[in-house]
Amino acid sequence: MREIVWSDTAIDQFDKAIAYLAERNPSAALRLSDRVLTTIESLAVRPIGRPGERVNTFEKGVLKTSYLLVYGLVGGAHGELKIHRLFHMAQNWRGWIPEPGEEV
């Protein structure tokens, strides 16, 4: 299983998505959190997303949600799964730009 590494931006996006939903529907926020984390854990074992909009990235929809994970694979089979972003599908996720110093 690959080591899971989150970018600062992805952590911020995750926290904001959960906080936003928790204000409106706490049980839905818990389900979203569980589904995102389960998807990431599955990708660490078997990364099966589609090629991403950026070179060296992949995308995976989070089942039963409107969220999309953007990730990269670093190293060999036992390397890292780098979570770059977590987007709601209503956002302009195709035009994302890496942060200064963020490797993609």
PDB file of N, CA and C in Angstrom:
ATOM      1  N   MET A   1       0.834  -1.186   0.000  1.00  0.00           N
ATOM      2  CA  MET A   1       0.000   0.000   0.000  1.00  0.00           C
ATOM      3  C   MET A   1       0.877   1.247   0.000  1.00  0.00           C
ATOM      4  N   ARG A   2       0.498   2.206  -0.822  1.00  0.00           N
ATOM      5  CA  ARG A   2       1.248   3.451  -0.911  1.00  0.00           C
ATOM      6  C   ARG A   2       1.008   4.327   0.317  1.00  0.00           C
ATOM      7  N   GLU A   3       2.002   5.127   0.645  1.00  0.00           N
ATOM      8  CA  GLU A   3       1.834   6.135   1.687  1.00  0.00           C
ATOM      9  C   GLU A   3       0.953   7.257   1.131  1.00  0.00           C
ATOM     10  N   ILE A   4       0.017   7.741   1.921  1.00  0.00           N
ATOM     11  CA  ILE A   4      -0.882   8.815   1.497  1.00  0.00           C
ATOM     12  C   ILE A   4      -0.336  10.144   1.993  1.00  0.00           C
ATOM     13  N   VAL A   5      -0.159  11.088   1.048  1.00  0.00           N
ATOM     14  CA  VAL A   5       0.349  12.420   1.368  1.00  0.00           C
ATOM     15  C   VAL A   5      -0.633  13.442   0.808  1.00  0.00           C
ATOM     16  N   TRP A   6      -1.106  14.339   1.650  1.00  0.00           N
ATOM     17  CA  TRP A   6      -2.040  15.380   1.238  1.00  0.00           C
ATOM     18  C   TRP A   6      -1.293  16.693   1.005  1.00  0.00           C
ATOM     19  N   SER A   7      -1.656  17.421  -0.035  1.00  0.00           N
ATOM     20  CA  SER A   7      -1.147  18.788  -0.181  1.00  0.00           C
ATOM     21  C   SER A   7      -1.890  19.664   0.826  1.00  0.00           C
ATOM     22  N   ASP A   8      -1.289  20.795   1.169  1.00  0.00           N
ATOM     23  CA  ASP A   8      -1.948  21.723   2.090  1.00  0.00           C
ATOM     24  C   ASP A   8      -3.284  22.189   1.519  1.00  0.00           C
ATOM     25  N   THR A   9      -3.321  22.413   0.209  1.00  0.00           N
ATOM     26  CA  THR A   9      -4.549  22.863  -0.436  1.00  0.00           C
ATOM     27  C   THR A   9      -5.634  21.803  -0.342  1.00  0.00           C
ATOM     28  N   ALA A  10      -5.283  20.543  -0.557  1.00  0.00           N
ATOM     29  CA  ALA A  10      -6.271  19.461  -0.476  1.00  0.00           C
ATOM     30  C   ALA A  10      -6.828  19.330   0.936  1.00  0.00           C
ATOM     31  N   ILE A  11      -5.975  19.458   1.935  1.00  0.00           N
ATOM     32  CA  ILE A  11      -6.443  19.406   3.326  1.00  0.00           C
ATOM     33  C   ILE A  11      -7.430  20.537   3.585  1.00  0.00           C
ATOM     34  N   ASP A  12      -7.087  21.727   3.115  1.00  0.00           N
ATOM     35  CA  ASP A  12      -7.959  22.887   3.291  1.00  0.00           C
ATOM     36  C   ASP A  12      -9.302  22.676   2.583  1.00  0.00           C
ATOM     37  N   GLN A  13      -9.271  22.157   1.361  1.00  0.00           N
ATOM     38  CA  GLN A  13     -10.507  21.900   0.626  1.00  0.00           C
ATOM     39  C   GLN A  13     -11.376  20.859   1.338  1.00  0.00           C
ATOM     40  N   PHE A  14     -10.753  19.807   1.837  1.00  0.00           N
ATOM     41  CA  PHE A  14     -11.472  18.771   2.569  1.00  0.00           C
ATOM     42  C   PHE A  14     -12.123  19.354   3.825  1.00  0.00           C
ATOM     43  N   ASP A  15     -11.336  20.073   4.613  1.00  0.00           N
ATOM     44  CA  ASP A  15     -11.855  20.661   5.848  1.00  0.00           C
ATOM     45  C   ASP A  15     -13.017  21.614   5.573  1.00  0.00           C
ATOM     46  N   LYS A  16     -12.893  22.442   4.547  1.00  0.00           N
ATOM     47  CA  LYS A  16     -13.951  23.405   4.221  1.00  0.00           C
ATOM     48  C   LYS A  16     -15.217  22.697   3.730  1.00  0.00           C
ATOM     49  N   ALA A  17     -15.060  21.650   2.935  1.00  0.00           N
ATOM     50  CA  ALA A  17     -16.227  20.913   2.434  1.00  0.00           C
ATOM     51  C   ALA A  17     -16.985  20.265   3.582  1.00  0.00           C
ATOM     52  N   ILE A  18     -16.262  19.667   4.506  1.00  0.00           N
ATOM     53  CA  ILE A  18     -16.897  19.002   5.644  1.00  0.00           C
ATOM     54  C   ILE A  18     -17.549  20.038   6.561  1.00  0.00           C
ATOM     55  N   ALA A  19     -16.865  21.135   6.825  1.00  0.00           N
ATOM     56  CA  ALA A  19     -17.421  22.175   7.696  1.00  0.00           C
ATOM     57  C   ALA A  19     -18.688  22.785   7.101  1.00  0.00           C
ATOM     58  N   TYR A  20     -18.652  23.055   5.803  1.00  0.00           N
ATOM     59  CA  TYR A  20     -19.817  23.623   5.126  1.00  0.00           C
ATOM     60  C   TYR A  20     -21.027  22.693   5.251  1.00  0.00           C
ATOM     61  N   LEU A  21     -20.794  21.432   4.971  1.00  0.00           N
ATOM     62  CA  LEU A  21     -21.889  20.469   5.026  1.00  0.00           C
ATOM     63  C   LEU A  21     -22.342  20.207   6.462  1.00  0.00           C
ATOM     64  N   ALA A  22     -21.415  20.210   7.415  1.00  0.00           N
ATOM     65  CA  ALA A  22     -21.749  19.943   8.817  1.00  0.00           C
ATOM     66  C   ALA A  22     -22.703  20.990   9.378  1.00  0.00           C
ATOM     67  N   GLU A  23     -22.588  22.227   8.911  1.00  0.00           N
ATOM     68  CA  GLU A  23     -23.498  23.289   9.367  1.00  0.00           C
ATOM     69  C   GLU A  23     -24.931  23.014   8.930  1.00  0.00           C
ATOM     70  N   ARG A  24     -25.081  22.361   7.790  1.00  0.00           N
ATOM     71  CA  ARG A  24     -26.391  22.140   7.202  1.00  0.00           C
ATOM     72  C   ARG A  24     -26.959  20.753   7.496  1.00  0.00           C
ATOM     73  N   ASN A  25     -26.041  19.758   7.531  1.00  0.00           N
ATOM     74  CA  ASN A  25     -26.488  18.376   7.703  1.00  0.00           C
ATOM     75  C   ASN A  25     -25.315  17.549   8.265  1.00  0.00           C
ATOM     76  N   PRO A  26     -25.195  17.492   9.585  1.00  0.00           N
ATOM     77  CA  PRO A  26     -24.052  16.798  10.197  1.00  0.00           C
ATOM     78  C   PRO A  26     -23.886  15.340   9.764  1.00  0.00           C
ATOM     79  N   SER A  27     -24.981  14.608   9.613  1.00  0.00           N
ATOM     80  CA  SER A  27     -24.835  13.198   9.216  1.00  0.00           C
ATOM     81  C   SER A  27     -24.327  13.085   7.776  1.00  0.00           C
ATOM     82  N   ALA A  28     -24.731  14.002   6.909  1.00  0.00           N
ATOM     83  CA  ALA A  28     -24.219  13.999   5.532  1.00  0.00           C
ATOM     84  C   ALA A  28     -22.737  14.346   5.518  1.00  0.00           C
ATOM     85  N   ALA A  29     -22.313  15.223   6.410  1.00  0.00           N
ATOM     86  CA  ALA A  29     -20.891  15.571   6.492  1.00  0.00           C
ATOM     87  C   ALA A  29     -20.060  14.355   6.894  1.00  0.00           C
ATOM     88  N   LEU A  30     -20.577  13.574   7.832  1.00  0.00           N
ATOM     89  CA  LEU A  30     -19.869  12.344   8.234  1.00  0.00           C
ATOM     90  C   LEU A  30     -19.797  11.346   7.081  1.00  0.00           C
ATOM     91  N   ARG A  31     -20.890  11.207   6.343  1.00  0.00           N
ATOM     92  CA  ARG A  31     -20.882  10.288   5.189  1.00  0.00           C
ATOM     93  C   ARG A  31     -19.881  10.750   4.137  1.00  0.00           C
ATOM     94  N   LEU A  32     -19.860  12.062   3.872  1.00  0.00           N
ATOM     95  CA  LEU A  32     -18.914  12.585   2.887  1.00  0.00           C
ATOM     96  C   LEU A  32     -17.482  12.330   3.332  1.00  0.00           C
ATOM     97  N   SER A  33     -17.189  12.615   4.589  1.00  0.00           N
ATOM     98  CA  SER A  33     -15.844  12.376   5.112  1.00  0.00           C
ATOM     99  C   SER A  33     -15.454  10.910   4.955  1.00  0.00           C
ATOM    100  N   ASP A  34     -16.350  10.017   5.358  1.00  0.00           N
ATOM    101  CA  ASP A  34     -16.079   8.574   5.238  1.00  0.00           C
ATOM    102  C   ASP A  34     -15.834   8.173   3.786  1.00  0.00           C
ATOM    103  N   ARG A  35     -16.648   8.676   2.878  1.00  0.00           N
ATOM    104  CA  ARG A  35     -16.521   8.289   1.464  1.00  0.00           C
ATOM    105  C   ARG A  35     -15.232   8.819   0.847  1.00  0.00           C
ATOM    106  N   VAL A  36     -14.862  10.048   1.181  1.00  0.00           N
ATOM    107  CA  VAL A  36     -13.600  10.596   0.656  1.00  0.00           C
ATOM    108  C   VAL A  36     -12.423   9.784   1.181  1.00  0.00           C
ATOM    109  N   LEU A  37     -12.391   9.564   2.487  1.00  0.00           N
ATOM    110  CA  LEU A  37     -11.269   8.830   3.079  1.00  0.00           C
ATOM    111  C   LEU A  37     -11.215   7.381   2.599  1.00  0.00           C
ATOM    112  N   THR A  38     -12.356   6.752   2.430  1.00  0.00           N
ATOM    113  CA  THR A  38     -12.401   5.379   1.905  1.00  0.00           C
ATOM    114  C   THR A  38     -11.878   5.332   0.474  1.00  0.00           C
ATOM    115  N   THR A  39     -12.260   6.313  -0.330  1.00  0.00           N
ATOM    116  CA  THR A  39     -11.776   6.369  -1.714  1.00  0.00           C
ATOM    117  C   THR A  39     -10.268   6.525  -1.748  1.00  0.00           C
ATOM    118  N   ILE A  40      -9.742   7.383  -0.896  1.00  0.00           N
ATOM    119  CA  ILE A  40      -8.291   7.600  -0.852  1.00  0.00           C
ATOM    120  C   ILE A  40      -7.569   6.332  -0.407  1.00  0.00           C
ATOM    121  N   GLU A  41      -8.093   5.675   0.608  1.00  0.00           N
ATOM    122  CA  GLU A  41      -7.477   4.425   1.067  1.00  0.00           C
ATOM    123  C   GLU A  41      -7.497   3.371  -0.035  1.00  0.00           C
ATOM    124  N   SER A  42      -8.578   3.307  -0.793  1.00  0.00           N
ATOM    125  CA  SER A  42      -8.659   2.360  -1.912  1.00  0.00           C
ATOM    126  C   SER A  42      -7.642   2.694  -2.991  1.00  0.00           C
ATOM    127  N   LEU A  43      -7.478   3.989  -3.265  1.00  0.00           N
ATOM    128  CA  LEU A  43      -6.491   4.403  -4.274  1.00  0.00           C
ATOM    129  C   LEU A  43      -5.064   4.073  -3.839  1.00  0.00           C
ATOM    130  N   ALA A  44      -4.811   4.113  -2.535  1.00  0.00           N
ATOM    131  CA  ALA A  44      -3.479   3.780  -2.037  1.00  0.00           C
ATOM    132  C   ALA A  44      -3.141   2.316  -2.294  1.00  0.00           C
ATOM    133  N   VAL A  45      -4.169   1.472  -2.347  1.00  0.00           N
ATOM    134  CA  VAL A  45      -3.977   0.048  -2.619  1.00  0.00           C
ATOM    135  C   VAL A  45      -3.991  -0.214  -4.122  1.00  0.00           C
ATOM    136  N   ARG A  46      -4.962   0.406  -4.795  1.00  0.00           N
ATOM    137  CA  ARG A  46      -5.135   0.174  -6.234  1.00  0.00           C
ATOM    138  C   ARG A  46      -5.548   1.480  -6.915  1.00  0.00           C
ATOM    139  N   PRO A  47      -4.578   2.243  -7.421  1.00  0.00           N
ATOM    140  CA  PRO A  47      -4.876   3.542  -8.031  1.00  0.00           C
ATOM    141  C   PRO A  47      -5.501   3.380  -9.425  1.00  0.00           C
ATOM    142  N   ILE A  48      -6.822   3.482  -9.508  1.00  0.00           N
ATOM    143  CA  ILE A  48      -7.521   3.189 -10.761  1.00  0.00           C
ATOM    144  C   ILE A  48      -8.272   4.393 -11.330  1.00  0.00           C
ATOM    145  N   GLY A  49      -7.769   5.601 -11.099  1.00  0.00           N
ATOM    146  CA  GLY A  49      -8.425   6.778 -11.651  1.00  0.00           C
ATOM    147  C   GLY A  49      -8.086   6.981 -13.122  1.00  0.00           C
ATOM    148  N   ARG A  50      -8.768   7.943 -13.723  1.00  0.00           N
ATOM    149  CA  ARG A  50      -8.515   8.279 -15.129  1.00  0.00           C
ATOM    150  C   ARG A  50      -7.388   9.314 -15.209  1.00  0.00           C
ATOM    151  N   PRO A  51      -6.746   9.430 -16.368  1.00  0.00           N
ATOM    152  CA  PRO A  51      -5.711  10.465 -16.516  1.00  0.00           C
ATOM    153  C   PRO A  51      -6.292  11.854 -16.235  1.00  0.00           C
ATOM    154  N   GLY A  52      -5.509  12.691 -15.555  1.00  0.00           N
ATOM    155  CA  GLY A  52      -5.972  14.017 -15.161  1.00  0.00           C
ATOM    156  C   GLY A  52      -5.728  15.086 -16.207  1.00  0.00           C
ATOM    157  N   GLU A  53      -6.218  16.276 -15.922  1.00  0.00           N
ATOM    158  CA  GLU A  53      -6.047  17.436 -16.798  1.00  0.00           C
ATOM    159  C   GLU A  53      -4.602  17.911 -16.809  1.00  0.00           C
ATOM    160  N   ARG A  54      -3.878  17.713 -15.735  1.00  0.00           N
ATOM    161  CA  ARG A  54      -2.473  18.093 -15.626  1.00  0.00           C
ATOM    162  C   ARG A  54      -1.601  16.850 -15.839  1.00  0.00           C
ATOM    163  N   VAL A  55      -0.432  17.063 -16.403  1.00  0.00           N
ATOM    164  CA  VAL A  55       0.526  15.976 -16.608  1.00  0.00           C
ATOM    165  C   VAL A  55       0.856  15.344 -15.253  1.00  0.00           C
ATOM    166  N   ASN A  56       0.977  14.042 -15.237  1.00  0.00           N
ATOM    167  CA  ASN A  56       1.327  13.270 -14.042  1.00  0.00           C
ATOM    168  C   ASN A  56       0.255  13.296 -12.949  1.00  0.00           C
ATOM    169  N   THR A  57      -0.993  13.561 -13.331  1.00  0.00           N
ATOM    170  CA  THR A  57      -2.080  13.505 -12.358  1.00  0.00           C
ATOM    171  C   THR A  57      -3.161  12.547 -12.838  1.00  0.00           C
ATOM    172  N   PHE A  58      -3.977  12.142 -11.893  1.00  0.00           N
ATOM    173  CA  PHE A  58      -5.118  11.276 -12.168  1.00  0.00           C
ATOM    174  C   PHE A  58      -6.313  11.838 -11.416  1.00  0.00           C
ATOM    175  N   GLU A  59      -7.511  11.426 -11.839  1.00  0.00           N
ATOM    176  CA  GLU A  59      -8.741  11.896 -11.214  1.00  0.00           C
ATOM    177  C   GLU A  59      -9.620  10.703 -10.867  1.00  0.00           C
ATOM    178  N   LYS A  60     -10.268  10.813  -9.730  1.00  0.00           N
ATOM    179  CA  LYS A  60     -11.175   9.751  -9.290  1.00  0.00           C
ATOM    180  C   LYS A  60     -12.385  10.387  -8.622  1.00  0.00           C
ATOM    181  N   GLY A  61     -13.567  10.061  -9.125  1.00  0.00           N
ATOM    182  CA  GLY A  61     -14.791  10.525  -8.496  1.00  0.00           C
ATOM    183  C   GLY A  61     -15.013   9.784  -7.191  1.00  0.00           C
ATOM    184  N   VAL A  62     -15.536  10.484  -6.203  1.00  0.00           N
ATOM    185  CA  VAL A  62     -15.868   9.880  -4.924  1.00  0.00           C
ATOM    186  C   VAL A  62     -17.307   9.371  -5.042  1.00  0.00           C
ATOM    187  N   LEU A  63     -17.487   8.059  -4.939  1.00  0.00           N
ATOM    188  CA  LEU A  63     -18.794   7.454  -5.166  1.00  0.00           C
ATOM    189  C   LEU A  63     -19.886   8.040  -4.270  1.00  0.00           C
ATOM    190  N   LYS A  64     -21.059   8.202  -4.870  1.00  0.00           N
ATOM    191  CA  LYS A  64     -22.252   8.704  -4.199  1.00  0.00           C
ATOM    192  C   LYS A  64     -22.073  10.109  -3.637  1.00  0.00           C
ATOM    193  N   THR A  65     -21.177  10.889  -4.275  1.00  0.00           N
ATOM    194  CA  THR A  65     -20.992  12.295  -3.915  1.00  0.00           C
ATOM    195  C   THR A  65     -20.798  13.088  -5.207  1.00  0.00           C
ATOM    196  N   SER A  66     -20.672  14.383  -5.049  1.00  0.00           N
ATOM    197  CA  SER A  66     -20.370  15.261  -6.194  1.00  0.00           C
ATOM    198  C   SER A  66     -18.933  15.752  -6.116  1.00  0.00           C
ATOM    199  N   TYR A  67     -18.041  14.932  -5.574  1.00  0.00           N
ATOM    200  CA  TYR A  67     -16.650  15.339  -5.378  1.00  0.00           C
ATOM    201  C   TYR A  67     -15.697  14.527  -6.242  1.00  0.00           C
ATOM    202  N   LEU A  68     -14.594  15.181  -6.584  1.00  0.00           N
ATOM    203  CA  LEU A  68     -13.562  14.599  -7.432  1.00  0.00           C
ATOM    204  C   LEU A  68     -12.212  14.785  -6.756  1.00  0.00           C
ATOM    205  N   LEU A  69     -11.448  13.717  -6.670  1.00  0.00           N
ATOM    206  CA  LEU A  69     -10.081  13.779  -6.150  1.00  0.00           C
ATOM    207  C   LEU A  69      -9.105  13.885  -7.313  1.00  0.00           C
ATOM    208  N   VAL A  70      -8.117  14.761  -7.169  1.00  0.00           N
ATOM    209  CA  VAL A  70      -7.012  14.845  -8.117  1.00  0.00           C
ATOM    210  C   VAL A  70      -5.774  14.376  -7.364  1.00  0.00           C
ATOM    211  N   TYR A  71      -5.094  13.380  -7.914  1.00  0.00           N
ATOM    212  CA  TYR A  71      -3.952  12.806  -7.214  1.00  0.00           C
ATOM    213  C   TYR A  71      -2.817  12.479  -8.176  1.00  0.00           C
ATOM    214  N   GLY A  72      -1.661  12.226  -7.608  1.00  0.00           N
ATOM    215  CA  GLY A  72      -0.501  11.810  -8.370  1.00  0.00           C
ATOM    216  C   GLY A  72       0.150  10.617  -7.701  1.00  0.00           C
ATOM    217  N   LEU A  73       0.948   9.899  -8.468  1.00  0.00           N
ATOM    218  CA  LEU A  73       1.683   8.742  -7.955  1.00  0.00           C
ATOM    219  C   LEU A  73       3.163   9.071  -8.010  1.00  0.00           C
ATOM    220  N   VAL A  74       3.833   8.925  -6.877  1.00  0.00           N
ATOM    221  CA  VAL A  74       5.248   9.249  -6.773  1.00  0.00           C
ATOM    222  C   VAL A  74       5.994   7.991  -6.387  1.00  0.00           C
ATOM    223  N   GLY A  75       7.035   7.663  -7.120  1.00  0.00           N
ATOM    224  CA  GLY A  75       7.802   6.468  -6.801  1.00  0.00           C
ATOM    225  C   GLY A  75       7.175   5.228  -7.407  1.00  0.00           C
ATOM    226  N   GLY A  76       7.692   4.091  -7.046  1.00  0.00           N
ATOM    227  CA  GLY A  76       7.211   2.816  -7.585  1.00  0.00           C
ATOM    228  C   GLY A  76       5.946   2.341  -6.907  1.00  0.00           C
ATOM    229  N   ALA A  77       5.766   1.035  -6.936  1.00  0.00           N
ATOM    230  CA  ALA A  77       4.549   0.421  -6.402  1.00  0.00           C
ATOM    231  C   ALA A  77       4.347   0.692  -4.916  1.00  0.00           C
ATOM    232  N   HIS A  78       5.410   0.976  -4.206  1.00  0.00           N
ATOM    233  CA  HIS A  78       5.312   1.253  -2.775  1.00  0.00           C
ATOM    234  C   HIS A  78       5.659   2.698  -2.463  1.00  0.00           C
ATOM    235  N   GLY A  79       5.472   3.568  -3.440  1.00  0.00           N
ATOM    236  CA  GLY A  79       5.758   4.992  -3.275  1.00  0.00           C
ATOM    237  C   GLY A  79       4.618   5.722  -2.589  1.00  0.00           C
ATOM    238  N   GLU A  80       4.370   6.954  -3.039  1.00  0.00           N
ATOM    239  CA  GLU A  80       3.355   7.799  -2.412  1.00  0.00           C
ATOM    240  C   GLU A  80       2.147   8.008  -3.316  1.00  0.00           C
ATOM    241  N   LEU A  81       1.008   8.163  -2.683  1.00  0.00           N
ATOM    242  CA  LEU A  81      -0.205   8.641  -3.333  1.00  0.00           C
ATOM    243  C   LEU A  81      -0.356  10.082  -2.854  1.00  0.00           C
ATOM    244  N   LYS A  82      -0.153  11.030  -3.755  1.00  0.00           N
ATOM    245  CA  LYS A  82      -0.198  12.449  -3.390  1.00  0.00           C
ATOM    246  C   LYS A  82      -1.567  13.016  -3.745  1.00  0.00           C
ATOM    247  N   ILE A  83      -2.329  13.438  -2.737  1.00  0.00           N
ATOM    248  CA  ILE A  83      -3.636  14.047  -2.957  1.00  0.00           C
ATOM    249  C   ILE A  83      -3.396  15.530  -3.216  1.00  0.00           C
ATOM    250  N   HIS A  84      -3.647  15.954  -4.463  1.00  0.00           N
ATOM    251  CA  HIS A  84      -3.415  17.349  -4.835  1.00  0.00           C
ATOM    252  C   HIS A  84      -4.612  18.238  -4.521  1.00  0.00           C
ATOM    253  N   ARG A  85      -5.815  17.759  -4.857  1.00  0.00           N
ATOM    254  CA  ARG A  85      -7.016  18.587  -4.703  1.00  0.00           C
ATOM    255  C   ARG A  85      -8.244  17.717  -4.451  1.00  0.00           C
ATOM    256  N   LEU A  86      -9.253  18.348  -3.849  1.00  0.00           N
ATOM    257  CA  LEU A  86     -10.583  17.775  -3.711  1.00  0.00           C
ATOM    258  C   LEU A  86     -11.553  18.841  -4.188  1.00  0.00           C
ATOM    259  N   PHE A  87     -12.230  18.565  -5.289  1.00  0.00           N
ATOM    260  CA  PHE A  87     -13.139  19.541  -5.882  1.00  0.00           C
ATOM    261  C   PHE A  87     -14.576  19.059  -5.836  1.00  0.00           C
ATOM    262  N   HIS A  88     -15.494  19.998  -5.601  1.00  0.00           N
ATOM    263  CA  HIS A  88     -16.901  19.746  -5.857  1.00  0.00           C
ATOM    264  C   HIS A  88     -17.076  19.902  -7.365  1.00  0.00           C
ATOM    265  N   MET A  89     -17.894  19.071  -7.964  1.00  0.00           N
ATOM    266  CA  MET A  89     -18.037  19.084  -9.424  1.00  0.00           C
ATOM    267  C   MET A  89     -18.597  20.404  -9.958  1.00  0.00           C
ATOM    268  N   ALA A  90     -19.212  21.221  -9.117  1.00  0.00           N
ATOM    269  CA  ALA A  90     -19.705  22.528  -9.548  1.00  0.00           C
ATOM    270  C   ALA A  90     -18.566  23.543  -9.674  1.00  0.00           C
ATOM    271  N   GLN A  91     -17.400  23.211  -9.137  1.00  0.00           N
ATOM    272  CA  GLN A  91     -16.245  24.107  -9.216  1.00  0.00           C
ATOM    273  C   GLN A  91     -15.522  23.928 -10.549  1.00  0.00           C
ATOM    274  N   ASN A  92     -14.701  24.915 -10.889  1.00  0.00           N
ATOM    275  CA  ASN A  92     -13.875  24.827 -12.098  1.00  0.00           C
ATOM    276  C   ASN A  92     -12.637  23.989 -11.792  1.00  0.00           C
ATOM    277  N   TRP A  93     -12.826  22.689 -11.708  1.00  0.00           N
ATOM    278  CA  TRP A  93     -11.718  21.811 -11.346  1.00  0.00           C
ATOM    279  C   TRP A  93     -10.757  21.575 -12.503  1.00  0.00           C
ATOM    280  N   ARG A  94     -11.185  21.833 -13.728  1.00  0.00           N
ATOM    281  CA  ARG A  94     -10.298  21.595 -14.870  1.00  0.00           C
ATOM    282  C   ARG A  94      -9.202  22.651 -14.991  1.00  0.00           C
ATOM    283  N   GLY A  95      -9.411  23.799 -14.406  1.00  0.00           N
ATOM    284  CA  GLY A  95      -8.438  24.876 -14.551  1.00  0.00           C
ATOM    285  C   GLY A  95      -7.520  25.066 -13.362  1.00  0.00           C
ATOM    286  N   TRP A  96      -7.398  24.066 -12.495  1.00  0.00           N
ATOM    287  CA  TRP A  96      -6.578  24.240 -11.295  1.00  0.00           C
ATOM    288  C   TRP A  96      -5.103  24.367 -11.643  1.00  0.00           C
ATOM    289  N   ILE A  97      -4.408  25.119 -10.816  1.00  0.00           N
ATOM    290  CA  ILE A  97      -2.982  25.384 -11.026  1.00  0.00           C
ATOM    291  C   ILE A  97      -2.257  24.975  -9.751  1.00  0.00           C
ATOM    292  N   PRO A  98      -1.149  24.245  -9.880  1.00  0.00           N
ATOM    293  CA  PRO A  98      -0.392  23.878  -8.678  1.00  0.00           C
ATOM    294  C   PRO A  98       0.088  25.119  -7.927  1.00  0.00           C
ATOM    295  N   GLU A  99       0.141  25.028  -6.610  1.00  0.00           N
ATOM    296  CA  GLU A  99       0.664  26.108  -5.774  1.00  0.00           C
ATOM    297  C   GLU A  99       2.169  26.220  -5.999  1.00  0.00           C
ATOM    298  N   PRO A 100       2.758  27.413  -5.773  1.00  0.00           N
ATOM    299  CA  PRO A 100       4.214  27.551  -5.877  1.00  0.00           C
ATOM    300  C   PRO A 100       4.915  26.520  -4.995  1.00  0.00           C
ATOM    301  N   GLY A 101       5.841  25.800  -5.550  1.00  0.00           N
ATOM    302  CA  GLY A 101       6.586  24.785  -4.818  1.00  0.00           C
ATOM    303  C   GLY A 101       5.908  23.430  -4.746  1.00  0.00           C
ATOM    304  N   GLU A 102       4.674  23.347  -5.236  1.00  0.00           N
ATOM    305  CA  GLU A 102       3.955  22.067  -5.215  1.00  0.00           C
ATOM    306  C   GLU A 102       4.360  21.234  -6.426  1.00  0.00           C
ATOM    307  N   GLU A 103       4.880  20.051  -6.157  1.00  0.00           N
ATOM    308  CA  GLU A 103       5.284  19.170  -7.254  1.00  0.00           C
ATOM    309  C   GLU A 103       4.094  18.377  -7.752  1.00  0.00           C
ATOM    310  N   VAL A 104       3.983  18.290  -9.059  1.00  0.00           N
ATOM    311  CA  VAL A 104       2.894  17.513  -9.675  1.00  0.00           C
ATOM    312  C   VAL A 104       3.508  16.452 -10.543  1.00  0.00           C
TER     313      VAL A 104
END
